[in-house]
């Protein structure tokens, strides 16, 4: 949190769905608490994100990932960070 605003580092995803899924699947995770991965793709249609979600479920079922909109994402970050020291 920065002045009460949830923050998270950002990464740019590769253009290809398969490559993007590999980047997300390889991101570090902490089993003790939620881990957030803020990634963006420029000028991608909604189908691209749907295909990415499907690819993650089919090719990386061991990775507990949920693709969400920015409002939900930062709401979850805020909830996870509440009560933690800055």
N, C-alpha and C. Protein backbone atom coordinates (compact mmCIF):
# COMPACT_ATOMS: atom_id res chain seq x y z
N UNK A 1 0.85 -1.17 0.00
CA UNK A 1 0.00 0.00 0.00
C UNK A 1 0.90 1.24 0.00
N UNK A 2 0.49 2.19 -0.76
CA UNK A 2 1.21 3.45 -0.84
C UNK A 2 0.19 4.55 -0.61
N UNK A 3 0.27 5.20 0.55
CA UNK A 3 -0.70 6.23 0.93
C UNK A 3 -2.13 5.71 0.86
N UNK A 4 -2.34 4.46 1.28
CA UNK A 4 -3.66 3.87 1.30
C UNK A 4 -4.14 3.31 -0.03
N UNK A 5 -3.29 3.39 -1.05
CA UNK A 5 -3.65 2.88 -2.38
C UNK A 5 -2.91 1.57 -2.63
N UNK A 6 -3.62 0.51 -3.01
CA UNK A 6 -2.94 -0.76 -3.27
C UNK A 6 -2.02 -0.65 -4.48
N UNK A 7 -0.84 -1.22 -4.37
CA UNK A 7 0.13 -1.19 -5.47
C UNK A 7 0.65 -2.59 -5.74
N UNK A 8 1.20 -2.76 -6.92
CA UNK A 8 1.74 -4.05 -7.32
C UNK A 8 2.67 -3.82 -8.50
N UNK A 9 3.83 -4.46 -8.56
CA UNK A 9 4.70 -4.32 -9.74
C UNK A 9 3.98 -4.80 -11.00
N UNK A 10 4.34 -4.24 -12.13
CA UNK A 10 3.69 -4.57 -13.40
C UNK A 10 4.70 -5.20 -14.36
N UNK A 11 4.20 -6.12 -15.17
CA UNK A 11 5.00 -6.74 -16.23
C UNK A 11 4.24 -6.68 -17.53
N UNK A 12 4.94 -6.54 -18.62
CA UNK A 12 4.34 -6.64 -19.94
C UNK A 12 4.39 -8.10 -20.37
N UNK A 13 3.30 -8.60 -20.90
CA UNK A 13 3.26 -9.97 -21.38
C UNK A 13 3.70 -10.04 -22.84
N UNK A 14 4.26 -11.17 -23.25
CA UNK A 14 4.57 -11.37 -24.67
C UNK A 14 3.27 -11.34 -25.49
N UNK A 15 3.41 -11.13 -26.79
CA UNK A 15 2.24 -11.05 -27.67
C UNK A 15 1.50 -12.38 -27.83
N UNK A 16 2.23 -13.48 -27.86
CA UNK A 16 1.60 -14.79 -28.07
C UNK A 16 0.96 -15.34 -26.81
N UNK A 17 -0.18 -15.99 -26.97
CA UNK A 17 -0.91 -16.56 -25.83
C UNK A 17 -0.07 -17.62 -25.13
N UNK A 18 0.56 -18.51 -25.88
CA UNK A 18 1.38 -19.58 -25.27
C UNK A 18 2.53 -19.00 -24.46
N UNK A 19 3.22 -18.02 -25.04
CA UNK A 19 4.35 -17.39 -24.34
C UNK A 19 3.86 -16.65 -23.09
N UNK A 20 2.74 -15.96 -23.20
CA UNK A 20 2.19 -15.24 -22.05
C UNK A 20 1.80 -16.22 -20.94
N UNK A 21 1.21 -17.34 -21.30
CA UNK A 21 0.84 -18.35 -20.30
C UNK A 21 2.08 -18.89 -19.59
N UNK A 22 3.16 -19.08 -20.33
CA UNK A 22 4.40 -19.57 -19.71
C UNK A 22 4.96 -18.56 -18.72
N UNK A 23 4.91 -17.28 -19.05
CA UNK A 23 5.40 -16.23 -18.15
C UNK A 23 4.58 -16.23 -16.86
N UNK A 24 3.27 -16.30 -16.99
CA UNK A 24 2.40 -16.30 -15.81
C UNK A 24 2.62 -17.56 -14.98
N UNK A 25 2.72 -18.70 -15.63
CA UNK A 25 2.92 -19.97 -14.91
C UNK A 25 4.25 -20.00 -14.17
N UNK A 26 5.24 -19.30 -14.69
CA UNK A 26 6.57 -19.29 -14.06
C UNK A 26 6.71 -18.23 -12.97
N UNK A 27 5.69 -17.41 -12.77
CA UNK A 27 5.81 -16.35 -11.76
C UNK A 27 5.89 -16.96 -10.37
N UNK A 28 6.67 -16.33 -9.50
CA UNK A 28 6.83 -16.88 -8.14
C UNK A 28 5.53 -16.82 -7.35
N UNK A 29 5.34 -17.80 -6.47
CA UNK A 29 4.16 -17.86 -5.63
C UNK A 29 4.57 -18.16 -4.19
N UNK A 30 3.77 -17.68 -3.28
CA UNK A 30 3.97 -17.96 -1.87
C UNK A 30 2.73 -18.71 -1.38
N UNK A 31 2.90 -19.94 -0.99
CA UNK A 31 1.75 -20.78 -0.59
C UNK A 31 1.10 -20.28 0.70
N UNK A 32 1.80 -19.44 1.45
CA UNK A 32 1.26 -18.97 2.73
C UNK A 32 0.25 -17.84 2.58
N UNK A 33 0.33 -17.09 1.49
CA UNK A 33 -0.58 -15.96 1.30
C UNK A 33 -0.79 -15.71 -0.19
N UNK A 34 -1.80 -14.94 -0.54
CA UNK A 34 -2.06 -14.68 -1.97
C UNK A 34 -0.89 -13.97 -2.63
N UNK A 35 -0.63 -14.32 -3.87
CA UNK A 35 0.40 -13.66 -4.67
C UNK A 35 -0.29 -13.01 -5.86
N UNK A 36 0.09 -11.79 -6.16
CA UNK A 36 -0.55 -11.05 -7.23
C UNK A 36 0.43 -10.78 -8.35
N UNK A 37 -0.02 -10.96 -9.56
CA UNK A 37 0.80 -10.77 -10.76
C UNK A 37 0.05 -9.81 -11.67
N UNK A 38 0.50 -8.58 -11.71
CA UNK A 38 -0.13 -7.55 -12.53
C UNK A 38 0.58 -7.54 -13.86
N UNK A 39 -0.12 -7.92 -14.90
CA UNK A 39 0.48 -7.98 -16.23
C UNK A 39 -0.43 -7.27 -17.21
N UNK A 40 0.15 -6.73 -18.24
CA UNK A 40 -0.66 -6.06 -19.25
C UNK A 40 -0.25 -6.51 -20.63
N UNK A 41 -1.18 -6.37 -21.52
CA UNK A 41 -0.96 -6.63 -22.93
C UNK A 41 -1.59 -5.46 -23.67
N UNK A 42 -0.90 -4.96 -24.64
CA UNK A 42 -1.37 -3.79 -25.35
C UNK A 42 -2.24 -4.18 -26.54
N UNK A 43 -3.40 -3.55 -26.62
CA UNK A 43 -4.32 -3.69 -27.75
C UNK A 43 -4.72 -5.14 -28.05
N UNK A 44 -5.02 -5.89 -27.01
CA UNK A 44 -5.49 -7.27 -27.19
C UNK A 44 -7.01 -7.30 -27.06
N UNK A 45 -7.68 -8.07 -27.92
CA UNK A 45 -9.13 -8.19 -27.81
C UNK A 45 -9.50 -9.11 -26.63
N UNK A 46 -10.74 -9.02 -26.16
CA UNK A 46 -11.18 -9.87 -25.05
C UNK A 46 -10.93 -11.36 -25.30
N UNK A 47 -11.04 -11.82 -26.56
CA UNK A 47 -10.80 -13.23 -26.88
C UNK A 47 -9.38 -13.65 -26.51
N UNK A 48 -8.42 -12.75 -26.65
CA UNK A 48 -7.03 -13.06 -26.32
C UNK A 48 -6.93 -13.45 -24.84
N UNK A 49 -7.60 -12.68 -23.98
CA UNK A 49 -7.57 -12.97 -22.54
C UNK A 49 -8.33 -14.26 -22.22
N UNK A 50 -9.42 -14.50 -22.93
CA UNK A 50 -10.15 -15.75 -22.74
C UNK A 50 -9.29 -16.93 -23.16
N UNK A 51 -8.58 -16.79 -24.29
CA UNK A 51 -7.68 -17.85 -24.74
C UNK A 51 -6.54 -18.06 -23.75
N UNK A 52 -6.03 -16.97 -23.18
CA UNK A 52 -4.96 -17.08 -22.20
C UNK A 52 -5.45 -17.83 -20.96
N UNK A 53 -6.63 -17.49 -20.48
CA UNK A 53 -7.19 -18.19 -19.31
C UNK A 53 -7.36 -19.68 -19.59
N UNK A 54 -7.88 -20.00 -20.78
CA UNK A 54 -8.06 -21.40 -21.18
C UNK A 54 -6.72 -22.12 -21.26
N UNK A 55 -5.74 -21.47 -21.87
CA UNK A 55 -4.39 -22.06 -21.99
C UNK A 55 -3.80 -22.34 -20.62
N UNK A 56 -3.95 -21.41 -19.69
CA UNK A 56 -3.44 -21.63 -18.34
C UNK A 56 -4.11 -22.82 -17.68
N UNK A 57 -5.44 -22.93 -17.81
CA UNK A 57 -6.16 -24.07 -17.20
C UNK A 57 -5.76 -25.39 -17.83
N UNK A 58 -5.61 -25.41 -19.17
CA UNK A 58 -5.33 -26.68 -19.85
C UNK A 58 -3.86 -27.10 -19.78
N UNK A 59 -2.94 -26.16 -19.91
CA UNK A 59 -1.52 -26.50 -20.00
C UNK A 59 -0.75 -26.31 -18.69
N UNK A 60 -1.37 -25.61 -17.74
CA UNK A 60 -0.71 -25.36 -16.46
C UNK A 60 -1.72 -25.53 -15.33
N UNK A 61 -2.35 -26.71 -15.22
CA UNK A 61 -3.39 -26.90 -14.21
C UNK A 61 -2.87 -26.80 -12.77
N UNK A 62 -1.57 -26.95 -12.59
CA UNK A 62 -0.99 -26.87 -11.24
C UNK A 62 -0.88 -25.43 -10.74
N UNK A 63 -1.09 -24.47 -11.63
CA UNK A 63 -0.94 -23.06 -11.28
C UNK A 63 -2.33 -22.48 -10.96
N UNK A 64 -2.56 -22.10 -9.70
CA UNK A 64 -3.87 -21.54 -9.32
C UNK A 64 -3.96 -20.07 -9.73
N UNK A 65 -4.36 -19.82 -10.97
CA UNK A 65 -4.42 -18.46 -11.51
C UNK A 65 -5.85 -18.12 -11.90
N UNK A 66 -6.22 -16.91 -11.61
CA UNK A 66 -7.52 -16.39 -12.04
C UNK A 66 -7.28 -15.03 -12.68
N UNK A 67 -7.66 -14.88 -13.93
CA UNK A 67 -7.53 -13.61 -14.64
C UNK A 67 -8.75 -12.77 -14.29
N UNK A 68 -8.52 -11.55 -13.78
CA UNK A 68 -9.61 -10.67 -13.37
C UNK A 68 -9.41 -9.27 -13.93
N UNK A 69 -10.46 -8.47 -13.85
CA UNK A 69 -10.39 -7.08 -14.29
C UNK A 69 -9.59 -6.25 -13.28
N UNK A 70 -9.13 -5.06 -13.67
CA UNK A 70 -8.30 -4.23 -12.76
C UNK A 70 -8.99 -3.86 -11.45
N UNK A 71 -10.29 -3.58 -11.48
CA UNK A 71 -10.98 -3.19 -10.26
C UNK A 71 -11.00 -4.33 -9.25
N UNK A 72 -11.29 -5.53 -9.72
CA UNK A 72 -11.28 -6.70 -8.85
C UNK A 72 -9.87 -6.97 -8.35
N UNK A 73 -8.90 -6.88 -9.25
CA UNK A 73 -7.50 -7.15 -8.90
C UNK A 73 -7.04 -6.27 -7.75
N UNK A 74 -7.20 -4.96 -7.90
CA UNK A 74 -6.69 -4.06 -6.86
C UNK A 74 -7.55 -4.10 -5.60
N UNK A 75 -8.81 -4.47 -5.72
CA UNK A 75 -9.61 -4.71 -4.52
C UNK A 75 -9.07 -5.89 -3.73
N UNK A 76 -8.67 -6.94 -4.44
CA UNK A 76 -8.08 -8.11 -3.77
C UNK A 76 -6.72 -7.78 -3.18
N UNK A 77 -5.91 -6.99 -3.89
CA UNK A 77 -4.61 -6.56 -3.35
C UNK A 77 -4.83 -5.78 -2.07
N UNK A 78 -5.78 -4.82 -2.10
CA UNK A 78 -6.08 -4.02 -0.89
C UNK A 78 -6.48 -4.94 0.26
N UNK A 79 -7.38 -5.87 0.00
CA UNK A 79 -7.85 -6.78 1.04
C UNK A 79 -6.70 -7.59 1.63
N UNK A 80 -5.80 -8.08 0.78
CA UNK A 80 -4.67 -8.89 1.23
C UNK A 80 -3.66 -8.05 2.02
N UNK A 81 -3.54 -6.78 1.66
CA UNK A 81 -2.52 -5.94 2.30
C UNK A 81 -3.02 -5.20 3.54
N UNK A 82 -4.32 -5.17 3.77
CA UNK A 82 -4.86 -4.48 4.95
C UNK A 82 -4.28 -5.09 6.22
N UNK A 83 -3.88 -4.22 7.09
CA UNK A 83 -3.33 -4.67 8.37
C UNK A 83 -1.86 -5.01 8.33
N UNK A 84 -1.23 -5.00 7.17
CA UNK A 84 0.20 -5.27 7.08
C UNK A 84 0.96 -3.96 7.25
N UNK A 85 2.15 -4.03 7.76
CA UNK A 85 2.99 -2.84 7.90
C UNK A 85 3.47 -2.41 6.54
N UNK A 86 3.60 -1.07 6.31
CA UNK A 86 4.10 -0.59 5.00
C UNK A 86 5.53 -0.97 4.74
